[in-house]
Amino acid sequence: MKVDRRDFIKTSGMFAAGSMVLPPFVQSCQNVQISADVKSYLDHFEVTTEMLQKVIATAMSKGGDYADLFFEHKISNSLALEDGKVNRAYSNIDFGVGIRVLKGDQTGFAYSENIALDDMLNAAKMAANIANSSASFTAADYNEKLPANYYKISKKWEDVSVKDKVPFVQKVNDKIFSLDDKVIKVNAGMSDESSYVMFYNSEGRLTYDYRPMISFYAVCIMQDGEQIENAYSARSVRRGFEWLTDDLVDELANEAVEKTNLLFKAGKPKAGEMPVVLGAGGSGILLHEAIGHTFEADFNRKGTSIFSDKLNKKVAENFINIIDDGTLPNDRGAINIDDEGNDVQKTYLVKDGILNSYLHDRISAKYYGVEPTGNGRRESFRHMPLPRMRSTYMENGPHTTEEIFAAVDYGVYVDNFSNGEVKIGAGDFTFFVKSGYIIENGKLTTPIKDINIVGNGPQALADISMAANDYKNDSGTWTCGKDGQSVPVTLGLPTVLVKKMTVGGTNA
């Protein structure tokens, strides 16, 4: 049965719901059984198993140790509201294949936006040049890998029209205006995408993934006298159209208005070194940036990270457990397979205060003599995979939020970060805090805004003296950048007390 790409993407729920329209097995020309799922993806990309083997053989023709093919077809849509009306919409289709060859720890890479056999062979020849000897290659038997299914959906975004999405963006605009007379402007928008991925390597592994994504945001701008403030609320998950509800609209609108109102009363704390309480949820950005990146194995393999000599050593208090997880259901950072065709997993980076593992792709796993952790990720078929985070968070601790606040005579509580800068080698960071509170005698008092927090990631980790039992995952539109590539991630944290960090404020 021949299924072209146009028909394929209109086949509702074929993979997300698990229904099949093809016979259970078909035979390739080499009399190898191919499952219906894999056959559907082969048809989608209009390639055959014989073509895959020819391209891999060409990639391995100069003595490479390993090669893989990463096929991707991504359909993206977005729309935006300004001045009360949805007035912008955008759609894009991205399609192609990336071909990678490994020789030792060196990588040859090329990609093609056309997957005709000749074009793929030309790209494979370019990637093969990382090696420089002639070699014979014997194709491995096909080894189909059934991916996990961490994002079950009911209605795929390819089956949803713009007119179905516009009312939700309009509703969040109207709701925000109805909540407070100080609202003068709302910007809101929504973006969705569906990605079809197929992977094949020189070891014979053949697997695939369907990756949905929806992001919904609102920016509230308010004015009180001469003072103008704004705040942002957003959600992003791997779900289908059924995720959009009036309850979600109300949640975004109320959060945006509440955050903005807080800023009218905010001031600045005293500047200096003091205890800092990181609020549950979005404060996990500090964990992600200042600590998570230093656990990525390429930085450690190269000796760049300050943690490169601390594996199996104590780096935090005994109650600290830090995890990177690709298996959270419907999470923005979840993936059914990583971009090297590996299983994903829940990986303890820090276990009971001990540095337990780095985040590994194929190259670093081989270097350290361990299995990949499912962290080989890439922005698209145009990029090489790198060790990257997925959902990075800290588990609950043994304390309560009340105990944490009671332990602080004077300090700050922060829960809303807007951006930051981190030096991976030393672990030094600067973060810009959008909002929070001063803590005085164990109580939250004056709201604060627009301050910097400066510190060192490893030191901040070691200085976490208390952690509450109120863990929260932040499902915002977090996107992680590294080496010019961006990938979707999430993060989370319980409320924690860091004994000391430098806080920018007033000298008065």
Protein backbone atom coordinates (compact mmCIF):
# COMPACT_ATOMS: atom_id res chain seq x y z
CA MET A 1 0.00 0.00 0.00
CA LYS A 2 1.44 3.38 -1.02
CA VAL A 3 0.76 6.32 1.33
CA ASP A 4 2.08 9.72 0.26
CA ARG A 5 3.07 12.37 2.79
CA ARG A 6 -0.02 14.51 2.20
CA ASP A 7 -2.35 11.63 2.90
CA PHE A 8 -0.18 10.42 5.76
CA ILE A 9 -0.37 13.58 7.83
CA LYS A 10 -4.14 13.65 7.40
CA THR A 11 -4.54 10.12 8.81
CA SER A 12 -5.94 11.05 12.21
CA GLY A 13 -4.45 9.35 15.24
CA MET A 14 -2.61 6.61 13.35
CA PHE A 15 0.23 6.56 15.86
CA ALA A 16 -1.00 8.64 18.76
CA ALA A 17 -4.09 6.49 19.25
CA GLY A 18 -2.46 3.25 18.23
CA SER A 19 -4.86 2.30 15.42
CA MET A 20 -3.37 0.71 12.32
CA VAL A 21 -4.50 0.82 8.73
CA LEU A 22 -1.83 -1.46 7.29
CA PRO A 23 -1.39 -5.21 7.61
CA PRO A 24 0.65 -6.31 10.64
CA PHE A 25 3.78 -7.18 8.66
CA VAL A 26 5.04 -6.64 5.13
CA GLN A 27 8.06 -8.11 3.40
CA SER A 28 11.00 -6.07 2.09
CA CYS A 29 12.78 -7.07 -1.09
CA GLN A 30 15.37 -8.83 1.07
CA ASN A 31 12.61 -10.91 2.68
CA VAL A 32 12.97 -9.09 6.02
CA GLN A 33 9.81 -8.57 8.02
CA ILE A 34 8.95 -4.89 8.54
CA SER A 35 6.15 -3.94 10.94
CA ALA A 36 3.20 -1.85 9.88
CA ASP A 37 4.37 1.10 11.98
CA VAL A 38 7.80 1.20 10.36
CA LYS A 39 6.34 0.62 6.89
CA SER A 40 4.11 3.64 7.39
CA TYR A 41 7.11 5.81 8.17
CA LEU A 42 9.08 4.43 5.24
CA ASP A 43 6.14 5.30 3.00
CA HIS A 44 5.80 8.70 4.62
CA PHE A 45 9.39 9.58 3.75
CA GLU A 46 9.12 7.71 0.43
CA VAL A 47 12.18 5.56 1.05
CA THR A 48 12.79 1.81 1.19
CA THR A 49 14.92 -0.35 3.44
CA GLU A 50 17.21 -0.96 0.46
CA MET A 51 17.73 2.81 0.09
CA LEU A 52 18.57 3.11 3.79
CA GLN A 53 21.22 0.42 3.49
CA LYS A 54 22.77 1.98 0.40
CA VAL A 55 23.07 5.36 2.10
CA ILE A 56 24.53 3.84 5.27
CA ALA A 57 27.01 1.78 3.23
CA THR A 58 28.16 4.97 1.47
CA ALA A 59 28.49 6.78 4.79
CA MET A 60 30.66 3.94 6.10
CA SER A 61 32.69 3.57 2.90
CA LYS A 62 35.80 5.40 4.17
CA GLY A 63 36.25 3.47 7.37
CA GLY A 64 33.87 5.19 9.75
CA ASP A 65 33.12 3.42 13.04
CA TYR A 66 29.40 4.19 12.96
CA ALA A 67 26.81 6.08 10.92
CA ASP A 68 23.17 7.08 11.30
CA LEU A 69 20.32 8.69 9.35
CA PHE A 70 17.84 11.08 10.96
CA PHE A 71 14.74 11.80 8.85
CA GLU A 72 12.43 14.60 9.94
CA HIS A 73 9.19 16.14 8.69
CA LYS A 74 7.91 19.02 10.84
CA ILE A 75 4.66 20.95 10.30
CA SER A 76 4.52 24.20 12.32
CA ASN A 77 1.75 26.78 12.76
CA SER A 78 1.43 29.91 14.85
CA LEU A 79 -0.98 32.79 15.32
CA ALA A 80 -0.79 35.96 17.39
CA LEU A 81 -3.16 38.56 18.79
CA GLU A 82 -2.44 42.25 19.24
CA ASP A 83 -4.79 45.21 19.75
CA GLY A 84 -7.71 42.92 20.40
CA LYS A 85 -7.57 40.89 17.22
CA VAL A 86 -5.73 37.89 15.86
CA ASN A 87 -3.80 39.60 13.08
CA ARG A 88 -0.83 37.34 12.34
CA ALA A 89 -0.56 33.71 11.31
CA TYR A 90 2.34 31.63 10.07
CA SER A 91 2.86 28.10 8.80
CA ASN A 92 5.99 26.22 7.83
CA ILE A 93 6.98 22.76 6.65
CA ASP A 94 10.51 21.47 7.24
CA PHE A 95 11.71 18.25 5.65
CA GLY A 96 14.98 16.42 5.18
CA VAL A 97 17.58 14.00 6.46
CA GLY A 98 20.77 14.41 8.51
CA ILE A 99 23.61 11.93 7.99
CA ARG A 100 26.26 11.48 10.65
CA VAL A 101 29.47 9.44 10.64
CA LEU A 102 31.62 8.84 13.72
CA LYS A 103 35.32 8.03 13.67
CA GLY A 104 36.68 7.84 17.19
CA ASP A 105 35.41 10.99 18.87
CA GLN A 106 35.31 12.91 15.57
CA THR A 107 32.08 13.56 13.70
CA GLY A 108 31.35 13.98 10.02
CA PHE A 109 27.94 15.43 9.26
CA ALA A 110 25.90 16.50 6.25
CA TYR A 111 22.22 16.97 5.55
CA SER A 112 19.91 17.09 2.57
CA GLU A 113 16.53 18.77 2.17
CA ASN A 114 15.83 16.35 -0.67
CA ILE A 115 15.66 12.64 0.06
CA ALA A 116 15.96 11.33 -3.45
CA LEU A 117 18.55 8.55 -3.38
CA ASP A 118 21.24 10.46 -5.30
CA ASP A 119 20.96 13.45 -2.96
CA MET A 120 21.25 11.26 0.12
CA LEU A 121 24.24 9.43 -1.34
CA ASN A 122 25.99 12.74 -2.03
CA ALA A 123 25.42 13.87 1.56
CA ALA A 124 26.62 10.49 2.84
CA LYS A 125 29.85 10.85 0.85
CA MET A 126 30.49 14.23 2.45
CA ALA A 127 29.89 12.91 5.96
CA ALA A 128 32.09 9.87 5.23
CA ASN A 129 35.12 12.12 4.74
CA ILE A 130 35.69 12.27 8.51
CA ALA A 131 37.47 8.93 7.92
CA ASN A 132 40.20 8.44 5.34
CA SER A 133 40.55 4.76 4.55
CA SER A 134 38.64 2.41 2.32
CA ALA A 135 36.63 -0.22 4.13
CA SER A 136 34.05 -2.83 3.38
CA PHE A 137 30.77 -2.61 5.22
CA THR A 138 28.36 -5.44 5.83
CA ALA A 139 24.84 -4.25 6.58
CA ALA A 140 23.47 -5.45 9.92
CA ASP A 141 20.11 -7.16 10.15
CA TYR A 142 17.24 -4.75 10.69
CA ASN A 143 16.51 -4.30 14.36
CA GLU A 144 13.20 -2.52 14.79
CA LYS A 145 12.86 -0.55 18.00
CA LEU A 146 9.31 0.12 19.18
CA PRO A 147 9.35 3.57 20.80
CA ALA A 148 7.63 4.44 24.06
CA ASN A 149 4.46 6.52 23.98
CA TYR A 150 4.77 9.30 26.55
CA TYR A 151 2.42 11.70 24.76
CA LYS A 152 -0.90 10.11 23.89
CA ILE A 153 -3.24 12.53 22.15
CA SER A 154 -6.76 12.43 20.75
CA LYS A 155 -6.75 15.05 17.99
CA LYS A 156 -3.58 15.83 16.05
CA TRP A 157 -2.72 19.41 15.16
CA GLU A 158 -2.69 18.61 11.42
CA ASP A 159 -6.43 18.02 11.74
CA VAL A 160 -7.11 21.41 13.39
CA SER A 161 -7.84 24.55 11.37
CA VAL A 162 -6.85 28.11 12.26
CA LYS A 163 -10.49 29.00 12.88
CA ASP A 164 -10.63 26.30 15.59
CA LYS A 165 -7.70 27.89 17.46
CA VAL A 166 -8.51 31.59 17.11
CA PRO A 167 -11.37 31.61 19.68
CA PHE A 168 -9.05 30.50 22.49
CA VAL A 169 -6.58 33.31 21.83
CA GLN A 170 -9.45 35.79 21.62
CA LYS A 171 -10.90 34.47 24.88
CA VAL A 172 -7.68 34.94 26.82
CA ASN A 173 -7.49 38.54 25.59
CA ASP A 174 -11.08 39.25 26.64
CA LYS A 175 -10.66 37.51 29.98
CA ILE A 176 -7.56 39.52 30.92
CA PHE A 177 -9.31 42.80 30.09
CA SER A 178 -12.29 41.76 32.21
CA LEU A 179 -10.20 41.04 35.28
CA ASP A 180 -8.73 44.50 35.95
CA ASP A 181 -9.45 48.06 34.77
CA LYS A 182 -5.73 48.81 34.70
CA VAL A 183 -5.18 46.53 31.71
CA ILE A 184 -4.25 48.61 28.66
CA LYS A 185 -2.94 45.99 26.26
CA VAL A 186 -2.73 42.24 25.76
CA ASN A 187 -0.48 40.26 23.48
CA ALA A 188 -1.38 36.60 23.12
CA GLY A 189 -0.54 33.74 20.83
CA MET A 190 -0.40 30.07 20.15
CA SER A 191 1.96 27.80 18.22
CA ASP A 192 1.66 24.13 17.43
CA GLU A 193 3.78 21.59 15.60
CA SER A 194 3.81 17.97 14.56
CA SER A 195 7.12 16.26 13.89
CA TYR A 196 7.56 12.88 12.24
CA VAL A 197 10.97 11.36 12.86
CA MET A 198 12.54 8.17 11.50
CA PHE A 199 15.96 6.88 12.52
CA TYR A 200 18.26 4.22 11.07
CA ASN A 201 21.89 3.39 11.90
CA SER A 202 24.75 1.17 10.82
CA GLU A 203 23.93 -1.26 13.63
CA GLY A 204 20.57 -1.93 12.01
CA ARG A 205 18.39 -0.05 14.47
CA LEU A 206 15.24 1.25 12.77
CA THR A 207 12.81 3.31 14.81
CA TYR A 208 10.53 6.35 14.66
CA ASP A 209 8.68 8.96 16.68
CA TYR A 210 5.68 11.26 16.34
CA ARG A 211 6.16 14.47 18.36
CA PRO A 212 3.28 16.90 18.92
CA MET A 213 3.69 20.24 20.68
CA ILE A 214 1.39 23.12 21.64
CA SER A 215 2.38 26.43 23.27
CA PHE A 216 -0.10 29.05 24.50
CA TYR A 217 0.94 32.40 26.03
CA ALA A 218 -0.42 35.74 27.15
CA VAL A 219 1.32 39.01 28.02
CA CYS A 220 -0.61 41.42 30.23
CA ILE A 221 0.31 45.15 30.18
CA MET A 222 -1.21 47.38 32.87
CA GLN A 223 -0.98 51.05 33.80
CA ASP A 224 -1.56 52.73 37.16
CA GLY A 225 -0.98 56.47 36.91
CA GLU A 226 2.39 56.92 35.21
CA GLN A 227 3.59 53.43 36.10
CA ILE A 228 3.38 50.69 33.45
CA GLU A 229 4.10 47.05 34.21
CA ASN A 230 3.85 43.78 32.30
CA ALA A 231 4.00 40.08 33.04
CA TYR A 232 3.86 36.87 31.07
CA SER A 233 2.01 33.58 31.48
CA ALA A 234 2.50 30.52 29.27
CA ARG A 235 2.01 26.77 29.01
CA SER A 236 3.60 24.30 26.60
CA VAL A 237 2.99 20.55 26.45
CA ARG A 238 3.02 17.58 24.10
CA ARG A 239 -0.76 17.32 23.76
CA GLY A 240 -3.39 17.55 21.07
CA PHE A 241 -6.27 19.94 20.40
CA GLU A 242 -8.26 18.47 23.31
CA TRP A 243 -5.86 20.28 25.69
CA LEU A 244 -7.34 23.69 24.82
CA THR A 245 -10.17 24.46 27.26
CA ASP A 246 -11.88 27.45 28.83
CA ASP A 247 -10.34 26.44 32.18
CA LEU A 248 -6.88 26.78 30.64
CA VAL A 249 -7.81 30.23 29.31
CA ASP A 250 -8.90 31.32 32.79
CA GLU A 251 -5.72 29.92 34.35
CA LEU A 252 -3.44 31.85 31.97
CA ALA A 253 -5.43 35.07 32.27
CA ASN A 254 -5.59 35.06 36.08
CA GLU A 255 -1.89 34.26 36.37
CA ALA A 256 -0.87 37.05 33.98
CA VAL A 257 -2.99 39.67 35.79
CA GLU A 258 -1.85 38.53 39.24
CA LYS A 259 1.83 38.66 38.28
CA THR A 260 1.46 42.12 36.74
CA ASN A 261 -0.42 43.58 39.72
CA LEU A 262 2.30 42.44 42.09
CA LEU A 263 4.89 44.58 40.26
CA PHE A 264 3.12 47.87 41.09
CA LYS A 265 3.93 47.38 44.78
CA ALA A 266 7.46 46.08 44.28
CA GLY A 267 10.72 47.67 45.33
CA LYS A 268 14.29 46.45 45.81
CA PRO A 269 16.01 44.74 48.73
CA LYS A 270 19.30 45.76 50.30
CA ALA A 271 22.20 44.76 48.12
CA GLY A 272 24.70 42.20 49.32
CA GLU A 273 25.25 38.58 50.21
CA MET A 274 22.24 36.97 51.90
CA PRO A 275 20.06 33.84 52.07
CA VAL A 276 17.94 33.25 48.98
CA VAL A 277 14.79 31.14 48.92
CA LEU A 278 14.01 29.79 45.47
CA GLY A 279 10.27 29.30 44.96
CA ALA A 280 8.81 26.02 43.71
CA GLY A 281 8.48 25.63 39.94
CA GLY A 282 10.01 28.23 37.65
CA SER A 283 13.03 28.82 39.89
CA GLY A 284 14.22 25.55 38.42
CA ILE A 285 15.70 27.68 35.63
CA LEU A 286 18.62 28.31 37.97
CA LEU A 287 18.99 24.56 38.47
CA HIS A 288 18.85 24.03 34.70
CA GLU A 289 21.29 26.74 33.68
CA ALA A 290 23.76 26.97 36.54
CA ILE A 291 23.92 23.28 37.38
CA GLY A 292 22.26 21.16 34.68
CA HIS A 293 24.55 22.22 31.83
CA THR A 294 27.61 21.37 33.87
CA PHE A 295 26.32 17.77 34.09
CA GLU A 296 26.21 17.36 30.29
CA ALA A 297 28.82 14.74 29.45
CA ASP A 298 30.51 16.51 26.54
CA PHE A 299 31.57 19.35 28.85
CA ASN A 300 32.90 16.80 31.35
CA ARG A 301 34.57 14.58 28.74
CA LYS A 302 36.49 17.62 27.51
CA GLY A 303 37.31 18.78 31.03
CA THR A 304 35.35 22.02 30.56
CA SER A 305 32.88 21.48 33.41
CA ILE A 306 33.82 22.07 37.01
CA PHE A 307 32.17 18.69 37.75
CA SER A 308 34.49 16.73 35.42
CA ASP A 309 36.43 15.21 38.34
CA LYS A 310 33.52 14.88 40.79
CA LEU A 311 31.69 11.76 39.58
CA ASN A 312 30.70 9.59 42.57
CA LYS A 313 31.70 12.36 44.95
CA LYS A 314 29.55 14.35 47.35
CA VAL A 315 28.35 17.62 45.80
CA ALA A 316 25.30 18.46 47.94
CA GLU A 317 23.47 17.67 51.16
CA ASN A 318 22.21 14.11 51.57
CA PHE A 319 18.55 15.05 50.91
CA ILE A 320 19.33 16.47 47.45
CA ASN A 321 18.22 14.39 44.45
CA ILE A 322 18.45 15.96 40.98
CA ILE A 323 16.94 14.23 37.99
CA ASP A 324 16.82 14.65 34.24
CA ASP A 325 13.78 12.83 32.89
CA GLY A 326 12.52 12.28 29.34
CA THR A 327 9.57 10.11 30.37
CA LEU A 328 7.14 12.55 32.02
CA PRO A 329 3.75 12.07 30.29
CA ASN A 330 2.86 14.86 27.84
CA ASP A 331 5.73 16.99 29.14
CA ARG A 332 7.33 19.55 26.83
CA GLY A 333 10.71 17.94 27.52
CA ALA A 334 9.52 14.36 26.95
CA ILE A 335 10.69 12.31 23.96
CA ASN A 336 9.77 8.73 23.04
CA ILE A 337 13.26 8.13 21.65
CA ASP A 338 16.21 10.47 21.64
CA ASP A 339 17.65 11.76 18.37
CA GLU A 340 20.16 8.91 18.27
CA GLY A 341 17.39 6.30 18.40
CA ASN A 342 18.06 5.45 22.06
CA ASP A 343 15.56 4.74 24.81
CA VAL A 344 14.92 7.66 27.15
CA GLN A 345 14.90 7.26 30.90
CA LYS A 346 14.77 8.93 34.28
CA THR A 347 18.39 9.67 35.15
CA TYR A 348 19.56 10.58 38.65
CA LEU A 349 22.30 13.17 38.21
CA VAL A 350 22.65 13.67 41.95
CA LYS A 351 21.49 10.86 44.24
CA ASP A 352 21.48 11.46 48.01
CA GLY A 353 23.95 14.31 47.51
CA ILE A 354 26.37 12.24 45.38
CA LEU A 355 27.10 13.04 41.73
CA ASN A 356 25.65 9.88 40.21
CA SER A 357 25.70 10.36 36.42
CA TYR A 358 26.31 12.73 33.58
CA LEU A 359 23.92 13.24 30.66
CA HIS A 360 25.19 11.04 27.84
CA ASP A 361 24.87 10.80 24.10
CA ARG A 362 26.49 7.98 22.10
CA ILE A 363 29.96 9.57 21.98
CA SER A 364 30.26 10.34 25.68
CA ALA A 365 28.71 7.02 26.72
CA LYS A 366 31.39 5.18 24.79
CA TYR A 367 34.09 7.36 26.33
CA TYR A 368 32.88 6.65 29.88
CA GLY A 369 32.01 2.99 29.21
CA VAL A 370 28.33 3.38 30.07
CA GLU A 371 25.02 3.16 28.23
CA PRO A 372 23.54 6.34 26.66
CA THR A 373 21.01 8.02 28.95
CA GLY A 374 18.73 9.09 26.09
CA ASN A 375 20.03 12.67 26.05
CA GLY A 376 21.29 12.83 22.46
CA ARG A 377 19.19 15.68 21.08
CA ARG A 378 19.27 17.98 18.07
CA GLU A 379 17.30 21.02 16.93
CA SER A 380 16.49 19.47 13.57
CA PHE A 381 17.84 17.18 10.85
CA ARG A 382 20.26 20.02 9.98
CA HIS A 383 22.15 19.57 13.26
CA MET A 384 24.30 16.97 14.98
CA PRO A 385 23.02 15.51 18.26
CA LEU A 386 24.59 16.68 21.52
CA PRO A 387 24.06 15.76 25.17
CA ARG A 388 21.09 17.92 26.15
CA MET A 389 18.65 18.17 29.04
CA ARG A 390 14.98 17.20 28.81
CA SER A 391 13.06 17.86 32.05
CA THR A 392 15.51 18.72 34.82
CA TYR A 393 14.27 18.97 38.38
CA MET A 394 14.94 18.36 42.06
CA GLU A 395 12.85 15.92 44.08
CA ASN A 396 11.03 16.91 47.28
CA GLY A 397 13.09 17.45 50.41
CA PRO A 398 12.33 16.76 54.09
CA HIS A 399 11.33 20.29 55.13
CA THR A 400 8.22 22.48 54.92
CA THR A 401 7.99 25.93 53.36
CA GLU A 402 7.15 27.32 56.80
CA GLU A 403 10.37 25.88 58.24
CA ILE A 404 12.37 27.35 55.38
CA PHE A 405 10.99 30.88 55.77
CA ALA A 406 11.37 30.67 59.57
CA ALA A 407 15.10 29.99 59.09
CA VAL A 408 15.66 33.37 57.36
CA ASP A 409 16.05 36.60 59.35
CA TYR A 410 16.66 38.72 56.26
CA GLY A 411 16.86 37.55 52.67
CA VAL A 412 14.86 37.32 49.48
CA TYR A 413 12.32 34.94 48.03
CA VAL A 414 12.38 34.70 44.23
CA ASP A 415 10.03 32.78 41.97
CA ASN A 416 10.03 34.45 38.56
CA PHE A 417 13.21 34.64 36.46
CA SER A 418 13.37 36.25 33.03
CA ASN A 419 16.89 35.50 31.78
CA GLY A 420 20.44 34.77 32.84
CA GLU A 421 24.01 34.09 31.85
CA VAL A 422 26.19 31.16 32.87
CA LYS A 423 29.87 30.29 32.36
CA ILE A 424 29.93 26.51 32.02
CA GLY A 425 33.57 26.09 33.01
CA ALA A 426 33.61 27.88 36.34
CA GLY A 427 29.85 27.62 36.88
CA ASP A 428 29.49 31.35 37.60
CA PHE A 429 26.05 32.78 36.86
CA THR A 430 24.02 35.96 36.82
CA PHE A 431 20.21 35.75 36.76
CA PHE A 432 17.65 38.52 36.33
CA VAL A 433 14.73 38.16 38.72
CA LYS A 434 11.40 39.50 37.49
CA SER A 435 9.62 39.30 40.86
CA GLY A 436 9.75 38.00 44.42
CA TYR A 437 9.59 39.19 48.04
CA ILE A 438 11.84 40.37 50.84
CA ILE A 439 11.94 37.95 53.77
CA GLU A 440 12.13 39.58 57.21
CA ASN A 441 12.05 37.62 60.45
CA GLY A 442 10.73 34.56 58.69
CA LYS A 443 7.90 36.35 56.87
CA LEU A 444 7.33 37.50 53.27
CA THR A 445 7.01 41.29 53.37
CA THR A 446 7.71 43.74 50.53
CA PRO A 447 7.41 42.58 46.89
CA ILE A 448 10.59 43.04 44.83
CA LYS A 449 11.29 43.20 41.12
CA ASP A 450 14.08 43.62 38.57
CA ILE A 451 17.05 42.47 40.61
CA ASN A 452 20.08 40.33 39.79
CA ILE A 453 21.25 37.26 41.62
CA VAL A 454 24.93 36.40 41.22
CA GLY A 455 26.60 33.18 42.29
CA ASN A 456 28.38 29.97 41.40
CA GLY A 457 26.40 26.88 40.39
CA PRO A 458 28.40 24.20 42.22
CA GLN A 459 28.66 26.43 45.30
CA ALA A 460 24.93 27.19 45.22
CA LEU A 461 24.22 23.47 44.99
CA ALA A 462 26.45 22.81 47.99
CA ASP A 463 24.80 25.70 49.87
CA ILE A 464 21.25 24.37 49.58
CA SER A 465 20.58 23.80 53.27
CA MET A 466 16.85 23.06 53.14
CA ALA A 467 14.37 21.71 50.58
CA ALA A 468 10.60 21.60 50.98
CA ASN A 469 8.06 18.94 50.03
CA ASP A 470 6.19 21.15 47.54
CA TYR A 471 7.85 20.19 44.22
CA LYS A 472 6.29 21.83 41.18
CA ASN A 473 7.00 21.26 37.51
CA ASP A 474 6.99 24.43 35.40
CA SER A 475 5.32 23.74 32.06
CA GLY A 476 6.19 27.08 30.46
CA THR A 477 7.65 27.61 27.00
CA TRP A 478 11.22 26.87 28.10
CA THR A 479 13.74 26.47 25.28
CA CYS A 480 17.36 25.55 25.90
CA GLY A 481 20.17 26.88 23.72
CA LYS A 482 23.55 25.22 23.23
CA ASP A 483 26.11 25.45 20.41
CA GLY A 484 23.61 27.31 18.22
CA GLN A 485 20.86 24.73 18.70
CA SER A 486 17.57 25.14 20.55
CA VAL A 487 15.45 22.31 21.98
CA PRO A 488 12.30 22.30 24.14
CA VAL A 489 12.78 21.52 27.83
CA THR A 490 11.00 21.79 31.16
CA LEU A 491 12.25 22.27 34.68
CA GLY A 492 11.08 22.12 38.26
CA LEU A 493 12.01 22.61 41.88
CA PRO A 494 10.60 22.43 45.38
CA THR A 495 11.06 25.51 47.53
CA VAL A 496 14.74 25.51 48.60
CA LEU A 497 16.94 27.65 50.81
CA VAL A 498 20.39 28.60 49.50
CA LYS A 499 22.46 29.81 52.46
CA LYS A 500 24.00 32.70 50.58
CA MET A 501 24.11 34.36 47.17
CA THR A 502 24.88 37.89 46.08
CA VAL A 503 21.73 39.94 45.50
CA GLY A 504 21.69 43.20 43.59
CA GLY A 505 19.50 45.87 45.14
CA THR A 506 19.86 49.22 46.82
CA ASN A 507 22.76 50.38 48.99
CA ALA A 508 20.49 52.54 51.11
